[in-house]
Amino acid sequence: MIDNGPQPLAPSSGVVRPGVNLGNGPILPAVTLIKGQIIEGVVVQLQPRLLVDTANSIFSAAASSAAYTLGERLLFKVLDPDVHPPRLELLRSGQLPVSSLGQQSAFLRSLLYRPDGLKPLQQWLSSHLSSAQLPPSLATLLQSFWQFPNPPKAIDIQKFLLMSGLFSESRGQAKTLANALMGPAAAHNDLKALLKLLALEEGFEQQVKPLLEALNSSQIKSLDALLNNQTHYQWLMPWFGEQPLLITLQQNQQQRSQKIWSVSLAHEGPELGVLQINLLLTERTLAHETTASLHFSSDRAWLAPLVHGSKQQLHNALKLHGINLQQVSVGPIIEPEIQAKSQAKSQAVQTILDVHV
């Protein structure tokens, strides 16, 4: 198992796989690793040496295969993506946040702690909404499904949340709110059902598999939050044509008790660049009012004057929904602080491995 103590791991060598760079020639396709990213690997061979398959490469581990089982899923954290080969750390359950759901299996842990879980689906939607690569009938279905009313209303956002794939299974139960509002999940009104239908088409099963896993990851995070008296919903919806908008609605335990909601909207496209909107909503029961604080950030110069010139419009728009706008701010996109490479080097050598990608 993954918890059986330190296991020394060695660089990959002599493994042939299309798309994997073993040190001779370019990478096909190109793979980008991010520092701090958690990736998943599956044990695909025990003898004569242990081989682990990830989305980026296959590598061999200089460890006893008796500690693992065929098909076991392992988690790795990227310590340094800039060296060649990159340095990864084998994660054991004790190094991850406590979660009753994550303790059930390594596969659930891989879904639960997967950063940017919806990114594969976001990228696929951006490239396939106007693509001729899909079967014509499914391409038409996807385009009709991925339409957003202009101007949108609150009920439209709620519908896209229910159509996002987060509630596919519960929509099949008659006494749920999701079923009452949208009916059972089907390809014309649920993203997960649509992808499952696409997976049945010849040549699409492997392409759709990581997209369904992305939705599963989002569902597992929502369920884990619910079990811990928290709220976490993350879904995609259409915005500005073919570029999807990533929405994250969350509450920790304290925020939930105080009726505070944190909402994040993230968008990246050729017209607007990188745009992030953070909204903090607070319901004040005694005062019978809801207040909002808004922060806009972007990598483009157009945002600041637009926000400053639109404050009154924002105030009026929120007032229609009984929300009092308390604060509006705008600033540049701030990249996460890069940790010193020495921290990676200080990790115990038994838990570090090098992977050719």
Protein backbone atom coordinates (compact mmCIF):
# COMPACT_ATOMS: atom_id res chain seq x y z
CA MET A 1 0.00 0.00 0.00
CA ILE A 2 0.98 3.63 -0.25
CA ASP A 3 1.49 3.84 3.53
CA ASN A 4 4.13 1.13 3.82
CA GLY A 5 7.01 3.49 4.59
CA PRO A 6 9.68 5.19 2.47
CA GLN A 7 10.43 3.56 -0.87
CA PRO A 8 13.38 4.71 -2.99
CA LEU A 9 12.38 5.43 -6.55
CA ALA A 10 14.61 5.65 -9.61
CA PRO A 11 14.49 7.35 -13.03
CA SER A 12 12.62 5.64 -15.81
CA SER A 13 14.64 3.82 -18.42
CA GLY A 14 14.01 1.59 -21.38
CA VAL A 15 10.23 2.04 -21.39
CA VAL A 16 8.69 2.48 -24.81
CA ARG A 17 5.41 4.35 -25.03
CA PRO A 18 4.08 6.74 -27.69
CA GLY A 19 4.15 10.32 -26.49
CA VAL A 20 6.71 9.70 -23.74
CA ASN A 21 10.13 11.30 -23.87
CA LEU A 22 12.82 8.97 -22.57
CA GLY A 23 15.54 11.54 -23.05
CA ASN A 24 15.90 11.11 -26.81
CA GLY A 25 13.92 13.68 -28.79
CA PRO A 26 10.94 15.95 -28.20
CA ILE A 27 7.89 15.22 -26.08
CA LEU A 28 4.76 14.26 -27.99
CA PRO A 29 2.36 15.57 -26.85
CA ALA A 30 3.85 18.40 -24.78
CA VAL A 31 3.19 18.03 -21.04
CA THR A 32 3.33 20.92 -18.58
CA LEU A 33 3.89 20.18 -14.92
CA ILE A 34 3.21 22.78 -12.23
CA LYS A 35 5.03 23.03 -8.91
CA GLY A 36 2.80 21.72 -6.14
CA GLN A 37 0.59 19.85 -8.60
CA ILE A 38 -0.64 16.42 -7.53
CA ILE A 39 -0.62 13.75 -10.23
CA GLU A 40 -1.80 10.18 -10.18
CA GLY A 41 0.02 7.03 -11.20
CA VAL A 42 -1.21 3.47 -11.64
CA VAL A 43 0.92 0.37 -10.96
CA VAL A 44 0.92 -1.43 -14.33
CA GLN A 45 3.65 -4.02 -13.75
CA LEU A 46 5.14 -5.79 -10.72
CA GLN A 47 7.74 -8.09 -12.29
CA PRO A 48 10.57 -8.07 -13.26
CA ARG A 49 10.49 -4.45 -12.02
CA LEU A 50 7.82 -2.14 -10.70
CA LEU A 51 6.38 0.19 -13.37
CA VAL A 52 4.03 3.10 -12.63
CA ASP A 53 2.00 4.76 -15.40
CA THR A 54 1.04 8.46 -15.13
CA ALA A 55 -0.58 10.81 -17.62
CA ASN A 56 2.92 12.19 -18.27
CA SER A 57 5.18 9.15 -18.38
CA ILE A 58 5.90 5.62 -17.33
CA PHE A 59 8.64 5.27 -14.73
CA SER A 60 10.30 2.44 -12.86
CA ALA A 61 10.68 2.35 -9.09
CA ALA A 62 13.67 0.85 -7.31
CA ALA A 63 11.41 -0.58 -4.63
CA SER A 64 10.09 -3.97 -3.65
CA SER A 65 7.02 -4.76 -5.74
CA ALA A 66 5.67 -6.66 -2.72
CA ALA A 67 4.69 -3.30 -1.23
CA TYR A 68 2.23 -2.63 -4.06
CA THR A 69 -0.55 -4.35 -5.97
CA LEU A 70 -1.32 -4.36 -9.68
CA GLY A 71 -3.71 -1.54 -10.55
CA GLU A 72 -3.01 0.37 -7.32
CA ARG A 73 -3.26 4.15 -7.72
CA LEU A 74 -0.53 6.30 -6.18
CA LEU A 75 -0.33 10.06 -5.70
CA PHE A 76 2.71 12.22 -6.39
CA LYS A 77 3.41 15.89 -5.72
CA VAL A 78 5.52 17.87 -8.18
CA LEU A 79 8.43 19.36 -6.23
CA ASP A 80 10.44 20.84 -9.08
CA PRO A 81 9.08 20.81 -12.65
CA ASP A 82 12.00 22.84 -14.03
CA VAL A 83 14.75 20.22 -13.68
CA HIS A 84 15.17 17.36 -16.13
CA PRO A 85 13.80 14.93 -15.25
CA PRO A 86 11.28 16.60 -12.89
CA ARG A 87 11.36 15.74 -9.18
CA LEU A 88 8.24 14.17 -7.67
CA GLU A 89 7.36 13.12 -4.13
CA LEU A 90 5.39 9.99 -3.34
CA LEU A 91 2.49 11.08 -1.13
CA ARG A 92 1.17 8.89 1.65
CA SER A 93 -2.24 9.35 3.23
CA GLY A 94 -0.68 10.79 6.39
CA GLN A 95 0.67 13.73 4.34
CA LEU A 96 -2.79 14.69 3.06
CA PRO A 97 -5.60 16.53 4.88
CA VAL A 98 -7.81 14.26 7.00
CA SER A 99 -10.84 13.09 5.05
CA SER A 100 -13.14 10.15 5.81
CA LEU A 101 -13.95 9.95 2.11
CA GLY A 102 -10.30 10.07 1.05
CA GLN A 103 -9.49 7.20 3.40
CA GLN A 104 -11.76 4.86 1.46
CA SER A 105 -9.34 4.29 -1.44
CA ALA A 106 -6.33 5.72 -3.24
CA PHE A 107 -8.52 6.39 -6.27
CA LEU A 108 -10.87 8.61 -4.25
CA ARG A 109 -7.85 10.42 -2.81
CA SER A 110 -6.53 11.05 -6.32
CA LEU A 111 -9.86 12.63 -7.31
CA LEU A 112 -10.22 14.57 -4.07
CA TYR A 113 -6.78 16.19 -4.07
CA ARG A 114 -6.54 16.81 -7.81
CA PRO A 115 -5.75 20.53 -8.38
CA ASP A 116 -7.45 22.28 -11.30
CA GLY A 117 -9.66 19.23 -11.57
CA LEU A 118 -11.91 20.65 -14.30
CA LYS A 119 -9.06 21.99 -16.44
CA PRO A 120 -9.05 19.04 -18.92
CA LEU A 121 -12.77 19.52 -19.51
CA GLN A 122 -12.38 23.30 -19.77
CA GLN A 123 -9.69 22.93 -22.42
CA TRP A 124 -11.66 20.31 -24.33
CA LEU A 125 -14.79 22.46 -24.44
CA SER A 126 -12.80 25.46 -25.66
CA SER A 127 -11.35 23.49 -28.56
CA HIS A 128 -14.34 21.35 -29.55
CA LEU A 129 -17.35 23.66 -29.47
CA SER A 130 -16.59 24.85 -33.01
CA SER A 131 -14.64 21.78 -34.06
CA ALA A 132 -15.45 19.36 -36.85
CA GLN A 133 -13.85 16.48 -34.93
CA LEU A 134 -17.09 15.39 -33.27
CA PRO A 135 -19.83 13.32 -34.93
CA PRO A 136 -22.25 15.84 -36.53
CA SER A 137 -25.25 14.84 -34.39
CA LEU A 138 -23.28 15.15 -31.12
CA ALA A 139 -21.60 18.38 -32.25
CA THR A 140 -25.05 19.90 -32.83
CA LEU A 141 -26.23 18.59 -29.45
CA LEU A 142 -23.20 20.06 -27.69
CA GLN A 143 -23.60 23.46 -29.34
CA SER A 144 -27.30 23.65 -28.50
CA PHE A 145 -26.56 22.51 -24.96
CA TRP A 146 -23.79 25.09 -24.53
CA GLN A 147 -25.88 28.20 -25.07
CA PHE A 148 -26.35 30.94 -22.47
CA PRO A 149 -29.28 33.41 -22.53
CA ASN A 150 -28.43 37.05 -23.11
CA PRO A 151 -28.96 38.69 -20.72
CA PRO A 152 -28.79 35.83 -18.19
CA LYS A 153 -31.03 35.56 -15.14
CA ALA A 154 -30.39 33.96 -11.76
CA ILE A 155 -32.47 30.92 -12.75
CA ASP A 156 -30.21 30.37 -15.78
CA ILE A 157 -27.13 30.11 -13.56
CA GLN A 158 -28.96 27.68 -11.29
CA LYS A 159 -29.93 25.55 -14.28
CA PHE A 160 -26.35 25.38 -15.55
CA LEU A 161 -25.23 24.28 -12.09
CA LEU A 162 -27.74 21.44 -12.23
CA MET A 163 -26.73 20.62 -15.84
CA SER A 164 -22.99 20.69 -15.04
CA GLY A 165 -22.70 16.99 -14.20
CA LEU A 166 -22.41 17.59 -10.45
CA PHE A 167 -25.91 16.25 -9.83
CA SER A 168 -26.25 13.66 -12.61
CA GLU A 169 -26.98 10.75 -10.26
CA SER A 170 -29.30 12.62 -7.86
CA ARG A 171 -31.37 13.88 -10.79
CA GLY A 172 -32.49 10.29 -11.26
CA GLN A 173 -34.16 10.31 -7.83
CA ALA A 174 -37.74 11.56 -7.88
CA LYS A 175 -37.77 13.46 -4.59
CA THR A 176 -34.69 15.64 -5.12
CA LEU A 177 -34.66 19.35 -5.93
CA ALA A 178 -32.43 18.69 -8.94
CA ASN A 179 -34.98 16.27 -10.39
CA ALA A 180 -37.87 18.63 -9.67
CA LEU A 181 -36.19 21.52 -11.49
CA MET A 182 -34.54 19.72 -14.43
CA GLY A 183 -35.84 16.15 -14.57
CA PRO A 184 -33.61 13.08 -15.05
CA ALA A 185 -30.15 13.63 -16.54
CA ALA A 186 -30.00 13.10 -20.30
CA ALA A 187 -27.60 14.04 -23.09
CA HIS A 188 -29.57 17.17 -23.98
CA ASN A 189 -29.61 18.59 -20.43
CA ASP A 190 -26.62 17.16 -18.53
CA LEU A 191 -22.93 17.46 -19.42
CA LYS A 192 -21.92 14.15 -17.84
CA ALA A 193 -24.65 12.27 -19.69
CA LEU A 194 -23.57 13.93 -22.94
CA LEU A 195 -19.95 12.86 -22.42
CA LYS A 196 -21.02 9.29 -21.63
CA LEU A 197 -22.91 9.23 -24.91
CA LEU A 198 -19.85 10.53 -26.76
CA ALA A 199 -17.70 7.82 -25.15
CA LEU A 200 -19.81 5.20 -26.93
CA GLU A 201 -18.72 6.57 -30.31
CA GLU A 202 -15.89 4.70 -31.99
CA GLY A 203 -12.51 6.26 -31.25
CA PHE A 204 -13.73 8.60 -28.48
CA GLU A 205 -13.60 6.42 -25.36
CA GLN A 206 -10.01 7.30 -24.41
CA GLN A 207 -10.53 10.98 -25.21
CA VAL A 208 -13.60 11.20 -22.99
CA LYS A 209 -12.19 9.22 -20.05
CA PRO A 210 -10.17 12.12 -18.50
CA LEU A 211 -13.15 14.44 -19.03
CA LEU A 212 -15.44 12.18 -17.02
CA GLU A 213 -12.73 11.87 -14.36
CA ALA A 214 -12.63 15.67 -14.19
CA LEU A 215 -16.36 15.74 -13.44
CA ASN A 216 -15.96 12.88 -10.95
CA SER A 217 -13.24 14.89 -9.19
CA SER A 218 -15.56 17.86 -8.85
CA GLN A 219 -18.33 15.62 -7.50
CA ILE A 220 -16.02 14.00 -4.93
CA LYS A 221 -14.85 17.41 -3.69
CA SER A 222 -18.47 18.49 -3.25
CA LEU A 223 -19.35 15.32 -1.36
CA ASP A 224 -16.26 15.58 0.87
CA ALA A 225 -17.15 19.19 1.74
CA LEU A 226 -20.72 18.16 2.58
CA LEU A 227 -19.48 15.40 4.90
CA ASN A 228 -17.34 18.00 6.70
CA ASN A 229 -20.20 20.50 7.11
CA GLN A 230 -18.81 22.67 4.34
CA THR A 231 -19.88 23.69 0.84
CA HIS A 232 -17.87 23.31 -2.36
CA TYR A 233 -19.39 23.40 -5.84
CA GLN A 234 -17.26 23.95 -8.93
CA TRP A 235 -18.68 23.88 -12.44
CA LEU A 236 -18.32 25.26 -15.96
CA MET A 237 -20.80 27.34 -17.90
CA PRO A 238 -20.71 29.18 -21.25
CA TRP A 239 -19.59 32.80 -21.29
CA PHE A 240 -18.40 35.05 -24.11
CA GLY A 241 -18.94 32.56 -26.90
CA GLU A 242 -16.80 29.45 -26.79
CA GLN A 243 -14.65 30.24 -23.74
CA PRO A 244 -16.15 28.63 -20.60
CA LEU A 245 -16.44 30.33 -17.23
CA LEU A 246 -15.23 28.39 -14.17
CA ILE A 247 -17.39 29.05 -11.09
CA THR A 248 -16.49 27.99 -7.56
CA LEU A 249 -18.98 28.38 -4.70
CA GLN A 250 -17.65 27.46 -1.28
CA GLN A 251 -18.07 27.83 2.48
CA ASN A 252 -15.91 26.54 5.30
CA GLN A 253 -17.53 25.55 8.60
CA GLN A 254 -17.22 29.03 10.11
CA GLN A 255 -18.59 30.73 7.00
CA ARG A 256 -21.47 28.28 6.89
CA SER A 257 -22.45 29.06 10.49
CA GLN A 258 -22.18 32.80 9.78
CA LYS A 259 -24.04 32.57 6.44
CA ILE A 260 -21.10 33.78 4.35
CA TRP A 261 -20.57 32.58 0.78
CA SER A 262 -17.39 32.84 -1.25
CA VAL A 263 -17.85 32.86 -5.02
CA SER A 264 -15.02 32.85 -7.55
CA LEU A 265 -15.43 33.38 -11.30
CA ALA A 266 -12.43 32.59 -13.53
CA HIS A 267 -12.17 33.13 -17.28
CA GLU A 268 -9.34 33.04 -19.80
CA GLY A 269 -9.77 33.90 -23.45
CA PRO A 270 -8.33 35.90 -26.37
CA GLU A 271 -10.70 38.85 -25.90
CA LEU A 272 -10.60 39.41 -22.14
CA GLY A 273 -7.32 37.73 -21.24
CA VAL A 274 -7.13 36.28 -17.73
CA LEU A 275 -10.00 37.51 -15.59
CA GLN A 276 -10.77 36.64 -11.97
CA ILE A 277 -13.77 37.91 -9.99
CA ASN A 278 -14.05 37.16 -6.27
CA LEU A 279 -17.36 37.80 -4.54
CA LEU A 280 -18.00 37.55 -0.79
CA LEU A 281 -21.66 37.48 0.21
CA THR A 282 -22.77 37.90 3.83
CA GLU A 283 -26.34 37.43 4.98
CA ARG A 284 -27.08 39.56 8.06
CA THR A 285 -30.18 37.97 9.54
CA LEU A 286 -30.83 40.57 12.25
CA ALA A 287 -30.40 43.47 9.86
CA HIS A 288 -32.47 41.66 7.17
CA GLU A 289 -29.90 42.40 4.48
CA THR A 290 -27.21 40.74 2.38
CA THR A 291 -23.94 42.55 1.73
CA ALA A 292 -21.35 41.95 -1.00
CA SER A 293 -17.67 42.68 -1.50
CA LEU A 294 -16.25 42.39 -5.01
CA HIS A 295 -12.66 42.15 -6.19
CA PHE A 296 -11.73 42.09 -9.89
CA SER A 297 -8.28 41.10 -11.16
CA SER A 298 -6.86 40.75 -14.66
CA ASP A 299 -3.63 40.63 -16.66
CA ARG A 300 -4.97 43.37 -18.96
CA ALA A 301 -5.09 47.16 -18.46
CA TRP A 302 -8.71 47.56 -19.61
CA LEU A 303 -10.26 46.27 -16.39
CA ALA A 304 -9.47 49.01 -13.85
CA PRO A 305 -11.12 51.97 -15.65
CA LEU A 306 -14.11 49.82 -16.60
CA VAL A 307 -14.73 48.72 -13.01
CA HIS A 308 -14.25 52.22 -11.58
CA GLY A 309 -16.68 53.63 -14.13
CA SER A 310 -19.29 50.94 -13.50
CA LYS A 311 -19.56 50.98 -9.70
CA GLN A 312 -23.00 52.58 -9.69
CA GLN A 313 -24.27 50.08 -12.26
CA LEU A 314 -22.96 47.22 -10.12
CA HIS A 315 -24.62 48.74 -7.05
CA ASN A 316 -27.96 49.06 -8.86
CA ALA A 317 -27.80 45.56 -10.37
CA LEU A 318 -27.18 43.91 -6.98
CA LYS A 319 -29.79 46.09 -5.29
CA LEU A 320 -32.44 44.54 -7.53
CA HIS A 321 -31.67 41.21 -5.80
CA GLY A 322 -31.67 42.69 -2.29
CA ILE A 323 -27.87 42.81 -2.05
CA ASN A 324 -26.04 45.87 -0.74
CA LEU A 325 -22.66 46.43 -2.42
CA GLN A 326 -20.21 47.44 0.31
CA GLN A 327 -16.85 47.34 -1.43
CA VAL A 328 -15.42 47.12 -4.95
CA SER A 329 -11.71 46.76 -5.69
CA VAL A 330 -9.60 45.97 -8.73
CA GLY A 331 -6.00 44.85 -9.19
CA PRO A 332 -3.61 42.72 -11.24
CA ILE A 333 -3.53 38.94 -11.30
CA ILE A 334 -1.10 37.81 -8.59
CA GLU A 335 0.75 34.59 -9.27
CA PRO A 336 1.15 32.20 -6.33
CA GLU A 337 4.42 32.71 -4.51
CA ILE A 338 7.10 30.35 -5.79
CA GLN A 339 8.65 28.25 -3.05
CA ALA A 340 12.41 28.07 -2.83
CA LYS A 341 13.94 25.11 -4.61
CA SER A 342 15.89 24.34 -1.47
CA GLN A 343 12.64 23.15 0.15
CA ALA A 344 12.36 20.43 -2.44
CA LYS A 345 15.98 19.44 -1.92
CA SER A 346 15.43 19.17 1.83
CA GLN A 347 12.82 16.43 1.38
CA ALA A 348 13.90 12.95 2.48
CA VAL A 349 15.61 11.25 -0.44
CA GLN A 350 13.58 8.06 0.05
CA THR A 351 10.38 9.83 -1.00
CA ILE A 352 11.75 11.52 -4.12
CA LEU A 353 11.61 10.14 -7.61
CA ASP A 354 12.64 11.42 -11.00
CA VAL A 355 10.40 10.97 -14.01
CA HIS A 356 11.21 11.47 -17.67
CA VAL A 357 8.38 13.35 -19.39
